[in-house]
Protein backbone atom coordinates (compact mmCIF):
# COMPACT_ATOMS: atom_id res chain seq x y z
CA MET A 1 22.39 11.85 -37.73
CA HIS A 2 22.63 10.15 -34.18
CA ASN A 3 22.13 13.31 -32.36
CA LEU A 4 18.92 14.03 -34.97
CA SER A 5 18.17 10.65 -33.92
CA ASN A 6 17.97 11.17 -30.32
CA LEU A 7 16.14 14.69 -31.04
CA LEU A 8 13.30 12.66 -32.86
CA ASP A 9 13.11 10.25 -29.67
CA ASP A 10 12.99 12.83 -27.02
CA SER A 11 10.18 14.86 -28.75
CA ALA A 12 8.23 11.91 -29.21
CA THR A 13 8.50 11.18 -25.64
CA SER A 14 7.83 14.71 -24.26
CA LEU A 15 4.70 17.05 -24.23
CA PRO A 16 4.27 20.63 -24.78
CA VAL A 17 3.93 22.14 -21.34
CA ALA A 18 0.69 24.31 -22.62
CA GLU A 19 -1.04 21.26 -23.64
CA LEU A 20 -0.33 19.83 -19.78
CA ALA A 21 -3.35 20.97 -18.41
CA GLY A 22 -5.86 19.82 -20.74
CA LEU A 23 -4.48 16.13 -21.23
CA ALA A 24 -4.75 16.09 -17.33
CA ARG A 25 -8.42 17.03 -17.50
CA ASN A 26 -9.08 14.30 -19.94
CA PHE A 27 -7.01 11.57 -18.07
CA LEU A 28 -9.13 12.63 -14.75
CA LEU A 29 -12.12 12.31 -16.69
CA ASP A 30 -11.24 8.95 -18.00
CA ALA A 31 -10.61 7.78 -14.67
CA GLU A 32 -13.87 8.87 -13.35
CA LEU A 33 -15.81 7.06 -16.08
CA SER A 34 -13.56 3.72 -15.32
CA ASP A 35 -14.70 4.05 -11.90
CA ARG A 36 -11.11 4.35 -10.44
CA SER A 37 -11.39 4.96 -6.89
CA PRO A 38 -11.89 8.50 -5.75
CA LYS A 39 -8.86 8.29 -3.36
CA THR A 40 -6.62 7.15 -6.36
CA ILE A 41 -8.09 10.00 -8.71
CA GLN A 42 -7.66 12.69 -6.16
CA GLY A 43 -4.09 11.70 -5.79
CA GLU A 44 -3.48 11.92 -9.44
CA ARG A 45 -5.13 15.09 -9.70
CA ASP A 46 -2.60 16.36 -6.76
CA VAL A 47 0.48 14.97 -8.46
CA LEU A 48 -0.27 16.58 -11.68
CA GLU A 49 -1.07 19.94 -10.27
CA LYS A 50 2.21 19.91 -8.52
CA LEU A 51 4.28 18.39 -11.80
CA GLN A 52 2.52 21.37 -13.54
CA TRP A 53 3.89 24.01 -10.52
CA TRP A 54 7.19 22.74 -10.75
CA LEU A 55 7.34 22.96 -14.53
CA ALA A 56 5.84 26.69 -14.71
CA ARG A 57 8.44 27.79 -11.99
CA ARG A 58 11.31 26.36 -14.12
CA GLU A 59 9.76 28.08 -17.20
CA CYS A 60 9.87 24.66 -18.96
CA THR A 61 8.03 24.57 -22.30
CA ALA A 62 8.06 20.68 -22.68
CA CYS A 63 7.67 17.97 -20.06
CA GLY A 64 10.05 14.72 -21.04
CA VAL A 65 12.51 12.63 -19.66
CA GLU A 66 14.92 15.54 -18.41
CA GLU A 67 12.22 17.56 -17.12
CA LEU A 68 10.80 14.49 -15.00
CA ARG A 69 14.37 13.53 -13.59
CA GLY A 70 14.57 16.98 -12.41
CA PHE A 71 11.14 16.88 -10.84
CA PHE A 72 11.89 13.71 -8.95
CA LEU A 73 15.15 15.30 -7.83
CA TYR A 74 13.24 18.17 -6.70
CA LEU A 75 11.10 15.57 -4.73
CA GLN A 76 14.14 14.45 -2.71
CA LYS A 77 15.70 17.96 -2.01
CA SER A 78 12.76 20.19 -1.97
CA HIS A 79 12.78 20.14 1.73
CA THR A 80 15.82 22.02 1.95
CA GLU A 81 14.82 24.84 -0.77
CA PRO A 82 14.22 28.50 0.53
CA GLY A 83 10.55 28.94 1.11
CA GLY A 84 10.04 25.23 1.63
CA ARG A 85 8.58 22.69 -0.88
CA TRP A 86 5.77 23.91 -2.90
CA GLY A 87 6.70 27.52 -1.99
CA ASN A 88 5.19 26.38 1.78
CA PRO A 89 7.20 27.59 4.57
CA ALA A 90 5.63 24.40 6.64
CA GLY A 91 7.21 22.10 3.81
CA THR A 92 10.60 21.75 5.27
CA ARG A 93 10.57 17.76 6.08
CA PRO A 94 11.82 15.20 3.43
CA LEU A 95 9.28 13.26 1.77
CA LYS A 96 9.17 9.61 2.51
CA PRO A 97 10.50 7.20 0.00
CA ARG A 98 7.24 5.64 -0.35
CA THR A 99 5.45 9.00 -0.99
CA ILE A 100 7.83 9.64 -3.82
CA ARG A 101 6.86 6.01 -5.34
CA LEU A 102 3.39 6.96 -5.23
CA TYR A 103 3.94 10.13 -7.07
CA PHE A 104 5.81 8.10 -9.60
CA ALA A 105 2.80 5.62 -9.92
CA TYR A 106 0.47 8.27 -10.71
CA LEU A 107 2.73 10.00 -13.20
CA ARG A 108 3.31 6.59 -14.89
CA ALA A 109 -0.46 5.96 -15.07
CA PHE A 110 -0.83 9.52 -16.75
CA PHE A 111 1.94 8.98 -19.40
CA ASN A 112 0.59 5.47 -19.88
CA TRP A 113 -2.72 7.17 -20.83
CA CYS A 114 -0.74 9.56 -23.19
CA VAL A 115 0.68 6.71 -24.95
CA ALA A 116 -2.99 5.19 -24.97
CA GLU A 117 -4.31 8.11 -26.51
CA LYS A 118 -1.49 8.34 -29.24
CA ARG A 119 -0.04 11.67 -27.67
CA LEU A 120 3.16 10.33 -27.03
CA SER A 121 5.16 7.28 -28.80
CA ALA A 122 6.21 5.99 -25.39
CA SER A 123 6.46 7.08 -21.86
CA PRO A 124 9.15 9.36 -20.81
CA LEU A 125 9.16 7.41 -17.54
CA ALA A 126 9.90 4.19 -19.02
CA ARG A 127 13.69 5.82 -19.12
CA ILE A 128 13.70 6.69 -15.51
CA PRO A 129 14.29 4.14 -12.67
CA LYS A 130 11.40 3.63 -10.16
CA PRO A 131 12.34 5.02 -7.02
CA ARG A 132 13.46 2.83 -4.12
CA ASP A 133 11.68 2.70 -1.02
CA PRO A 134 13.47 0.60 1.83
CA GLY A 135 10.41 0.52 3.58
CA ASP A 136 8.29 -1.49 1.30
CA GLU A 137 10.29 -4.28 2.11
CA VAL A 138 8.56 -7.20 3.55
CA GLN A 139 8.52 -6.31 7.35
CA PRO A 140 6.00 -8.82 9.46
CA PHE A 141 5.38 -8.72 13.04
CA THR A 142 6.91 -11.14 15.21
CA GLU A 143 5.20 -13.18 17.20
CA ARG A 144 5.98 -11.32 20.40
CA GLU A 145 5.27 -8.13 18.50
CA VAL A 146 1.97 -9.42 17.92
CA SER A 147 1.27 -10.71 21.21
CA ALA A 148 1.90 -7.31 22.69
CA LEU A 149 -0.38 -5.72 20.15
CA LEU A 150 -3.12 -7.98 21.47
CA HIS A 151 -2.39 -7.40 25.13
CA ALA A 152 -2.37 -3.73 24.33
CA ALA A 153 -5.77 -3.98 22.90
CA GLU A 154 -7.18 -5.24 25.42
CA LYS A 155 -6.62 -2.52 27.58
CA THR A 156 -8.32 -0.10 25.23
CA GLN A 157 -11.81 1.75 25.57
CA GLU A 158 -12.66 -0.36 22.48
CA LYS A 159 -11.08 -3.84 23.29
CA GLY A 160 -13.58 -5.84 21.31
CA ARG A 161 -13.11 -3.66 18.26
CA ASP A 162 -9.37 -3.38 18.42
CA THR A 163 -8.91 -7.30 19.15
CA ALA A 164 -11.07 -8.07 16.15
CA ILE A 165 -9.23 -5.94 14.15
CA LEU A 166 -5.84 -7.49 14.85
CA LEU A 167 -7.10 -10.93 14.44
CA THR A 168 -9.05 -10.23 11.23
CA LEU A 169 -6.10 -8.58 9.53
CA LEU A 170 -3.81 -11.56 11.01
CA ASP A 171 -5.75 -14.19 9.68
CA THR A 172 -6.58 -12.40 6.32
CA GLY A 173 -4.42 -10.01 4.95
CA LEU A 174 -6.51 -7.84 4.10
CA ARG A 175 -5.32 -4.40 2.97
CA ALA A 176 -6.29 -1.31 5.22
CA GLN A 177 -8.86 0.08 3.01
CA GLU A 178 -10.54 -3.21 2.14
CA LEU A 179 -11.01 -3.99 5.77
CA VAL A 180 -12.63 -0.69 6.58
CA ASP A 181 -15.14 -0.90 3.68
CA LEU A 182 -16.23 -4.39 5.03
CA LYS A 183 -20.08 -4.52 5.98
CA PHE A 184 -21.68 -6.74 8.61
CA SER A 185 -22.78 -9.11 5.92
CA ASP A 186 -19.83 -9.40 4.27
CA VAL A 187 -18.82 -11.88 7.19
CA ASP A 188 -20.07 -15.53 7.12
CA PHE A 189 -19.90 -16.83 10.62
CA ASP A 190 -20.84 -20.47 9.86
CA GLN A 191 -17.93 -20.88 6.78
CA LYS A 192 -15.64 -18.65 8.58
CA SER A 193 -15.12 -16.25 5.42
CA VAL A 194 -14.96 -12.57 4.62
CA ARG A 195 -16.33 -11.27 1.32
CA VAL A 196 -14.14 -8.44 -0.42
CA ARG A 197 -16.67 -6.71 -2.49
CA GLU A 198 -14.31 -4.49 -4.37
CA GLY A 199 -10.29 -5.05 -3.57
CA LYS A 200 -7.32 -3.08 -5.46
CA GLY A 201 -8.42 -2.75 -9.24
CA GLY A 202 -12.13 -3.44 -8.46
CA LYS A 203 -11.82 -7.10 -7.98
CA GLY A 204 -13.74 -9.10 -5.25
CA ARG A 205 -12.69 -12.05 -3.44
CA THR A 206 -13.35 -14.26 -0.47
CA VAL A 207 -10.76 -14.58 2.45
CA TYR A 208 -10.92 -17.01 5.79
CA LEU A 209 -10.81 -16.53 9.21
CA GLY A 210 -9.73 -19.00 12.06
CA LYS A 211 -11.58 -19.90 15.13
CA ARG A 212 -10.25 -17.07 17.41
CA ALA A 213 -11.00 -14.44 15.05
CA VAL A 214 -14.29 -15.36 14.44
CA ARG A 215 -15.21 -15.35 17.96
CA ALA A 216 -13.83 -12.09 18.21
CA LEU A 217 -15.55 -10.62 15.47
CA TRP A 218 -18.57 -12.50 17.00
CA ARG A 219 -18.60 -10.81 20.34
CA TYR A 220 -17.56 -7.20 19.01
CA THR A 221 -20.84 -7.42 16.48
CA GLN A 222 -23.09 -8.31 19.46
CA GLU A 223 -22.06 -5.46 21.58
CA ASP A 224 -24.28 -2.90 19.88
CA GLY A 225 -25.83 -5.24 17.14
CA ARG A 226 -25.46 -5.16 13.38
CA GLU A 227 -27.70 -4.84 10.67
CA ASP A 228 -26.64 -6.43 7.08
CA ASP A 229 -25.70 -3.30 5.47
CA ASP A 230 -23.96 -1.64 8.50
CA PRO A 231 -20.20 -1.20 8.57
CA LEU A 232 -18.55 -4.08 10.13
CA PHE A 233 -15.97 -1.97 12.10
CA CYS A 234 -17.25 1.27 13.63
CA SER A 235 -15.50 4.37 15.02
CA GLN A 236 -15.82 5.44 18.71
CA ARG A 237 -18.42 7.96 17.08
CA GLU A 238 -20.50 5.11 15.83
CA GLY A 239 -19.74 5.82 12.39
CA PRO A 240 -17.90 3.75 9.79
CA LEU A 241 -14.14 3.15 10.68
CA THR A 242 -12.09 5.34 8.03
CA TYR A 243 -8.57 4.52 6.96
CA TRP A 244 -7.22 7.34 8.87
CA GLY A 245 -8.90 5.92 11.88
CA LEU A 246 -7.28 2.72 11.31
CA ARG A 247 -4.15 4.35 10.90
CA GLN A 248 -4.70 6.04 14.47
CA ILE A 249 -5.63 2.78 16.28
CA PHE A 250 -2.45 1.01 15.01
CA ARG A 251 -0.40 4.41 15.92
CA ARG A 252 -1.92 4.01 19.71
CA LEU A 253 -1.61 0.12 19.82
CA GLY A 254 1.85 0.34 18.58
CA LYS A 255 3.02 2.96 21.23
CA ALA A 256 1.54 1.22 23.99
CA ALA A 257 3.12 -2.33 23.20
CA GLY A 258 6.51 -0.73 22.39
CA VAL A 259 6.18 -1.79 18.51
CA LYS A 260 7.82 0.58 16.09
CA ASP A 261 6.73 1.20 12.66
CA CYS A 262 3.09 -0.17 13.19
CA HIS A 263 0.48 -0.14 10.70
CA ALA A 264 -1.84 -2.27 9.44
CA HIS A 265 0.01 -3.17 6.24
CA ARG A 266 2.87 -5.03 8.39
CA MET A 267 -0.20 -7.30 9.10
CA ARG A 268 -0.49 -8.51 5.60
CA HIS A 269 3.09 -8.92 5.49
CA SER A 270 2.55 -11.44 8.79
CA PHE A 271 -0.26 -13.18 7.07
CA ALA A 272 1.59 -13.76 4.00
CA VAL A 273 4.91 -15.03 5.33
CA SER A 274 2.95 -17.33 7.69
CA PHE A 275 0.58 -19.02 5.20
CA LEU A 276 3.86 -19.66 3.20
CA LYS A 277 5.60 -21.19 6.20
CA ALA A 278 2.76 -23.49 7.00
CA GLY A 279 2.94 -25.24 3.55
CA GLY A 280 0.58 -22.75 1.46
CA SER A 281 1.15 -22.41 -2.16
CA GLU A 282 2.36 -18.96 -3.91
CA LEU A 283 -0.65 -19.14 -6.26
CA ALA A 284 -3.36 -19.54 -3.61
CA LEU A 285 -1.40 -16.66 -1.43
CA MET A 286 -1.75 -14.91 -4.84
CA ARG A 287 -5.70 -15.19 -4.67
CA LEU A 288 -5.78 -14.58 -1.27
CA LEU A 289 -4.25 -11.36 -1.36
CA GLY A 290 -5.98 -10.05 -4.55
CA HIS A 291 -2.63 -9.97 -6.47
CA THR A 292 -3.20 -10.08 -10.12
CA THR A 293 -0.01 -11.67 -10.71
CA VAL A 294 2.32 -14.52 -8.84
CA GLN A 295 5.32 -11.84 -9.34
CA MET A 296 3.56 -9.53 -6.91
CA SER A 297 3.67 -12.56 -4.09
CA SER A 298 7.01 -13.68 -4.71
CA ARG A 299 8.85 -11.53 -2.51
CA TYR A 300 7.00 -13.29 0.52
CA VAL A 301 8.46 -16.36 -0.83
CA GLN A 302 12.05 -15.14 -0.74
CA TRP A 303 11.33 -13.56 2.75
CA ALA A 304 9.78 -16.78 3.97
CA GLN A 305 12.64 -18.94 2.68
CA ALA A 306 15.21 -16.68 4.21
CA ASP A 307 13.31 -16.75 7.28
CA LEU A 308 13.48 -20.70 7.45
CA ALA A 309 16.88 -20.62 6.56
CA GLU A 310 17.77 -18.36 9.50
CA GLN A 311 15.75 -20.57 11.97
CA HIS A 312 17.89 -23.90 10.74
CA ARG A 313 20.92 -21.86 11.24
CA ALA A 314 20.03 -20.96 14.72
CA PHE A 315 18.52 -24.32 15.70
CA SER A 316 20.66 -27.04 13.99
CA PRO A 317 20.26 -30.57 15.05
CA ALA A 318 23.51 -31.62 14.17
CA ASP A 319 25.36 -28.77 15.68
CA ARG A 320 23.42 -29.07 18.83
CA LEU A 321 24.47 -32.82 19.19
CA LYS A 322 27.23 -33.30 21.89
CA GLY A 323 30.28 -35.49 21.90
CA THR A 324 30.10 -36.37 18.28
CA GLY A 325 33.47 -34.44 16.93
CA LYS A 326 33.93 -30.85 15.68
């Protein structure tokens, strides 16, 4: 009886492989109708196609808990397979942990949709632990690293732009995509604020700048003039700066400054931790970062508290007293 119960549970949380392609098409269509970002939809499409490729290669007839466990094991080990990952001879490097987590997130969205559509009673991913990503831990830049990056920005061909980008991210905690999506009219120089029209999840918000960042933005935008609907940050080719262009900027600055693992998201970490250490509230941080729950911002609280404890141990007033006993 126990085995029969398990069998029923498994069948209620698995999909016939023959139906997977049709369900994936409907899921992606619903994603477009719900106005999800094109980047997210393309990521979901790619991952679902790769899942179907793997299931076909293993001659699976169903896709449930055991198959998905095998799929995630393949993601971890596939670079060692003959012929390379996805049958591509070039696929011989291991996937980054954050990439595997992204696969998990895309598949979770699909299987949750299948549950909502009553094609499954529960998501098979509910029984699979979320992949860990050590690189997803809070890793803010140190003050020395920020100073080094700003110094490196002063030596680039686009020093006005690069300096303004660093200071804007440091003062606002914007996501990389949010930064490159900004228009000139989104900046209110009088109020020292920036309007995010559509952040993650389609929600807008307002963030704020300090005097130094405002001055840097004003100088940069006056170099070549801006109309209200022009992009705030431009590439060297005078088009709008892209997400991948921003990554290249941080890669170059990091190399010039001697800062390892240099990317825009670390500026977001730096803003969050600095805000809390300056006395900002967790609720206010949640709103400024565009998080939907306080839990999403709690990791910054933990890091800020740990950092303050470490600073206190390094500079304990009692320990620094002399001649007062051991």
